[in-house]
Protein backbone atom coordinates (compact mmCIF):
# COMPACT_ATOMS: atom_id res chain seq x y z
CA MET A 1 0.00 0.00 0.00
CA GLY A 2 1.59 3.29 -1.12
CA PRO A 3 1.46 6.75 0.46
CA TYR A 4 -1.34 7.78 -1.92
CA SER A 5 -3.62 5.06 -0.58
CA LEU A 6 -2.92 6.11 3.01
CA GLN A 7 -3.66 9.74 2.20
CA THR A 8 -6.90 8.73 0.47
CA LYS A 9 -8.00 6.76 3.54
CA GLN A 10 -7.16 9.66 5.86
CA ALA A 11 -9.13 12.08 3.66
CA ALA A 12 -12.11 9.70 3.65
CA PHE A 13 -11.98 9.43 7.43
CA GLN A 14 -11.98 13.21 7.80
CA THR A 15 -14.95 13.46 5.44
CA ARG A 16 -16.90 10.90 7.48
CA LYS A 17 -15.98 12.71 10.69
CA GLN A 18 -17.12 16.07 9.33
CA THR A 19 -20.36 14.53 8.07
CA ALA A 20 -21.04 12.94 11.47
CA THR A 21 -20.44 16.27 13.20
CA LYS A 22 -22.89 18.02 10.86
CA GLN A 23 -25.48 15.35 11.65
CA GLY A 24 -25.11 16.05 15.36
CA VAL A 25 -22.98 13.02 16.23
CA ASN A 26 -20.51 14.85 18.40
CA GLU A 27 -19.01 12.25 20.70
CA MET A 28 -16.14 13.45 22.86
CA ASN A 29 -13.47 12.04 25.09
CA ILE A 30 -14.28 13.68 28.42
CA VAL A 31 -11.93 13.55 31.40
CA ILE A 32 -13.14 14.36 34.91
CA VAL A 33 -10.32 15.27 37.26
CA GLY A 34 -11.36 14.73 40.86
CA ALA A 35 -13.69 11.99 42.07
CA GLY A 36 -15.26 13.65 45.09
CA ASN A 37 -18.99 14.26 45.35
CA ILE A 38 -19.11 16.68 42.40
CA GLY A 39 -16.81 14.68 40.16
CA SER A 40 -18.62 11.42 40.88
CA GLY A 41 -21.96 13.13 40.33
CA LEU A 42 -20.90 14.50 36.97
CA ALA A 43 -19.49 11.10 36.01
CA SER A 44 -22.77 9.40 36.88
CA VAL A 45 -24.82 11.58 34.51
CA LEU A 46 -22.21 11.90 31.76
CA ALA A 47 -21.84 8.11 31.67
CA LYS A 48 -25.43 7.95 30.38
CA THR A 49 -24.44 9.89 27.25
CA SER A 50 -22.59 8.62 24.17
CA HIS A 51 -19.37 10.32 25.26
CA SER A 52 -16.35 8.41 26.53
CA ILE A 53 -15.79 9.26 30.21
CA THR A 54 -12.50 8.87 32.07
CA VAL A 55 -12.06 9.64 35.77
CA VAL A 56 -8.68 10.80 37.08
CA ASP A 57 -8.04 11.00 40.82
CA ALA A 58 -5.17 10.66 43.28
CA ASP A 59 -5.29 6.90 42.71
CA ASN A 60 -5.49 7.37 38.91
CA GLY A 61 -9.26 7.04 39.27
CA VAL A 62 -9.20 3.25 39.73
CA ALA A 63 -10.96 3.28 43.11
CA ALA A 64 -13.40 5.95 41.93
CA ALA A 65 -14.27 3.96 38.81
CA ALA A 66 -14.80 0.86 40.98
CA ARG A 67 -17.13 2.78 43.32
CA LEU A 68 -19.12 4.10 40.39
CA LYS A 69 -19.33 0.62 38.84
CA GLU A 70 -20.96 -0.61 42.06
CA GLN A 71 -23.63 2.04 41.42
CA GLY A 72 -24.11 0.84 37.85
CA VAL A 73 -22.02 3.64 36.32
CA GLU A 74 -19.42 2.49 33.79
CA VAL A 75 -16.46 4.85 33.34
CA LYS A 76 -12.79 4.39 32.61
CA SER A 77 -9.91 5.38 34.88
CA GLY A 78 -6.57 6.80 33.95
CA ALA A 79 -3.50 8.79 34.86
CA LEU A 80 -3.59 12.56 34.40
CA LYS A 81 -1.16 13.29 31.57
CA PRO A 82 -2.14 10.56 29.08
CA SER A 83 -5.84 11.06 29.85
CA VAL A 84 -5.62 14.80 29.22
CA ALA A 85 -3.58 14.24 26.07
CA ALA A 86 -6.39 12.08 24.64
CA ALA A 87 -9.23 14.34 25.85
CA ASP A 88 -11.42 16.75 23.95
CA LEU A 89 -12.85 18.26 27.12
CA VAL A 90 -11.55 18.20 30.70
CA ILE A 91 -13.65 18.99 33.77
CA LEU A 92 -11.75 20.15 36.86
CA SER A 93 -13.94 19.02 39.75
CA THR A 94 -11.23 19.74 42.29
CA PRO A 95 -10.86 22.54 44.85
CA PHE A 96 -9.22 25.68 43.49
CA ALA A 97 -5.80 25.00 45.04
CA ALA A 98 -5.78 21.45 43.69
CA SER A 99 -6.91 22.68 40.27
CA LYS A 100 -3.90 24.99 40.08
CA ALA A 101 -1.61 22.03 40.76
CA VAL A 102 -3.38 19.91 38.11
CA VAL A 103 -3.12 22.64 35.47
CA ALA A 104 0.60 22.98 36.20
CA GLU A 105 1.16 19.24 35.76
CA ALA A 106 -0.41 18.47 32.38
CA ASP A 107 -0.58 20.10 28.96
CA PHE A 108 -4.07 21.46 28.29
CA SER A 109 -3.22 23.17 25.01
CA GLY A 110 -6.24 23.21 22.71
CA LYS A 111 -8.46 21.46 25.26
CA ILE A 112 -11.80 22.73 26.49
CA LEU A 113 -11.13 23.09 30.21
CA VAL A 114 -14.17 23.42 32.48
CA ASP A 115 -13.70 24.86 35.96
CA VAL A 116 -16.45 24.03 38.47
CA SER A 117 -14.71 25.32 41.59
CA ASN A 118 -15.76 27.95 44.08
CA PRO A 119 -12.56 29.32 45.67
CA ILE A 120 -13.66 29.06 49.30
CA THR A 121 -11.37 29.25 52.33
CA ASP A 122 -10.76 26.04 54.28
CA ASP A 123 -13.11 27.14 57.06
CA PHE A 124 -15.84 28.13 54.55
CA SER A 125 -15.87 31.66 56.01
CA ALA A 126 -15.10 33.56 52.78
CA LEU A 127 -13.95 33.43 49.19
CA GLN A 128 -10.21 33.35 48.58
CA LEU A 129 -10.61 35.88 45.77
CA GLY A 130 -13.34 37.63 43.88
CA PHE A 131 -14.63 40.69 41.99
CA SER A 132 -11.18 41.68 40.68
CA SER A 133 -10.40 38.13 39.53
CA SER A 134 -11.80 34.61 39.80
CA ALA A 135 -10.63 31.03 40.09
CA ALA A 136 -11.49 30.51 36.42
CA GLU A 137 -9.44 33.52 35.29
CA GLU A 138 -6.47 32.49 37.41
CA LEU A 139 -6.58 29.00 35.90
CA ALA A 140 -6.78 30.55 32.43
CA LYS A 141 -3.55 32.41 33.18
CA LEU A 142 -1.88 29.12 34.13
CA ALA A 143 -3.19 27.37 31.00
CA PRO A 144 -3.27 30.12 28.37
CA ALA A 145 -3.52 27.68 25.46
CA ALA A 146 -6.63 26.01 26.90
CA LYS A 147 -10.20 27.09 26.19
CA LEU A 148 -11.36 27.91 29.72
CA VAL A 149 -15.07 27.66 30.56
CA LYS A 150 -16.79 28.30 33.89
CA ALA A 151 -19.82 26.07 34.52
CA PHE A 152 -21.61 23.77 37.02
CA ASN A 153 -20.37 25.67 40.08
CA THR A 154 -23.86 26.44 41.43
CA VAL A 155 -25.16 22.85 41.28
CA PHE A 156 -25.00 20.88 44.53
CA ALA A 157 -23.59 17.36 44.15
CA GLN A 158 -26.80 15.81 45.50
CA HIS A 159 -28.74 16.98 42.44
CA TYR A 160 -26.85 14.63 40.13
CA ALA A 161 -28.47 11.65 41.83
CA SER A 162 -31.95 13.16 41.83
CA GLY A 163 -32.41 14.05 38.18
CA LEU A 164 -31.11 17.64 38.09
CA LYS A 165 -34.62 18.99 38.60
CA LEU A 166 -36.54 20.89 41.28
CA ASN A 167 -40.33 20.98 41.23
CA GLY A 168 -40.24 19.33 37.83
CA GLU A 169 -38.05 22.02 36.27
CA ALA A 170 -34.48 21.58 35.07
CA LEU A 171 -31.80 23.24 37.17
CA GLN A 172 -29.85 26.00 35.50
CA THR A 173 -26.12 26.22 35.06
CA PHE A 174 -24.41 29.45 34.11
CA VAL A 175 -21.74 29.12 31.44
CA ALA A 176 -19.07 31.78 30.95
CA SER A 177 -16.12 31.82 28.55
CA ASP A 178 -14.17 34.05 26.19
CA ASP A 179 -14.23 31.24 23.62
CA GLU A 180 -17.69 31.15 22.05
CA ALA A 181 -17.21 27.75 20.42
CA ALA A 182 -16.07 26.15 23.69
CA LYS A 183 -18.95 27.82 25.51
CA SER A 184 -21.39 26.37 22.98
CA VAL A 185 -19.97 22.87 23.47
CA VAL A 186 -20.36 23.09 27.25
CA LYS A 187 -23.88 24.50 26.97
CA ASP A 188 -24.84 21.60 24.70
CA LEU A 189 -23.26 19.15 27.13
CA ALA A 190 -25.17 20.70 30.05
CA ALA A 191 -28.44 20.37 28.14
CA GLU A 192 -27.58 16.79 27.25
CA ILE A 193 -27.38 15.78 30.92
CA GLY A 194 -30.62 17.55 31.78
CA LEU A 195 -29.57 21.03 32.89
CA GLU A 196 -30.81 24.33 31.47
CA PRO A 197 -27.69 26.21 30.33
CA LYS A 198 -27.64 29.99 30.59
CA ASP A 199 -25.08 32.01 28.65
CA ALA A 200 -23.26 34.03 31.30
CA GLY A 201 -21.04 36.01 28.97
CA PRO A 202 -17.25 36.34 29.13
CA LEU A 203 -14.97 34.47 31.49
CA SER A 204 -14.57 37.58 33.64
CA ASN A 205 -18.19 37.05 34.77
CA ALA A 206 -16.88 34.11 36.78
CA ARG A 207 -16.06 36.87 39.30
CA TYR A 208 -19.80 36.99 39.97
CA LEU A 209 -20.68 33.34 39.39
CA GLU A 210 -18.27 32.17 42.08
CA PRO A 211 -19.77 34.44 44.77
CA LEU A 212 -23.18 33.13 43.63
CA GLY A 213 -21.90 29.61 44.19
CA TYR A 214 -20.65 30.62 47.63
CA LEU A 215 -24.01 32.22 48.45
CA ASN A 216 -25.73 29.00 47.42
CA ILE A 217 -23.45 27.06 49.79
CA ASN A 218 -24.31 29.53 52.57
CA PHE A 219 -28.03 29.08 51.97
CA GLY A 220 -27.66 25.31 51.91
CA TYR A 221 -25.28 24.57 54.75
CA ILE A 222 -25.17 27.63 57.01
CA LEU A 223 -28.66 29.14 56.80
CA GLY A 224 -30.33 25.76 56.92
CA TYR A 225 -32.07 25.54 53.55
CA GLY A 226 -30.47 22.19 52.75
CA THR A 227 -29.17 21.02 49.39
CA LYS A 228 -32.50 20.80 47.55
CA ILE A 229 -32.00 24.36 46.31
CA ALA A 230 -30.44 26.05 43.30
CA PRO A 231 -30.25 29.60 41.90
CA LYS A 232 -32.48 30.30 38.90
CA TRP A 233 -32.44 33.25 36.49
CA GLN A 234 -35.99 33.94 35.31
CA SER A 235 -37.28 36.08 32.47
CA GLU A 236 -40.52 36.65 30.58
């Protein structure tokens, strides 16, 4: 088989791939870094889609994948660098400090990188930063070649097990990014798992979304409203 035949096959593959994308078949390799309550919750709903889901954690995600399998959720596990290298989209479901370490360890160039963190102090008494910057913007500085998106930070982990609805209505997630194409992908993904995505503008608006996430945590855990709550932006 000569070089021409190989080139012809590669061209045919690209044509099929482009056709599939136009028809809405947009399967992605999604990596979830962090297998705590949020990461496991996201894995449980994303595993029901046609996307390939890999969980990365301190133990390479093996224990997390085993726990999820016991719950009937089939995901893969992997180490950080090779998993990120093969990913189309990476979700950082780790605390802000841990997310900074993750971003410094792997190459996220060209990847859609979704930050779900709320940069809260260890004693939950305040935000570590806000209004002049945000966790998402600081991560974007550390990974300038990534397509940073802020999303899912106002959704309590418990909602992933209960259908992502309250009173029969889909919960909202606010999606902010400077990359419109990446934002569109994450909005579509949010809708696919049952959320109502709301375009929250540029990434700098994470400065307001993170305090909203913190307020939601205050309502839930400090003011006694519990976790069956979520912020909702309404309009006529």
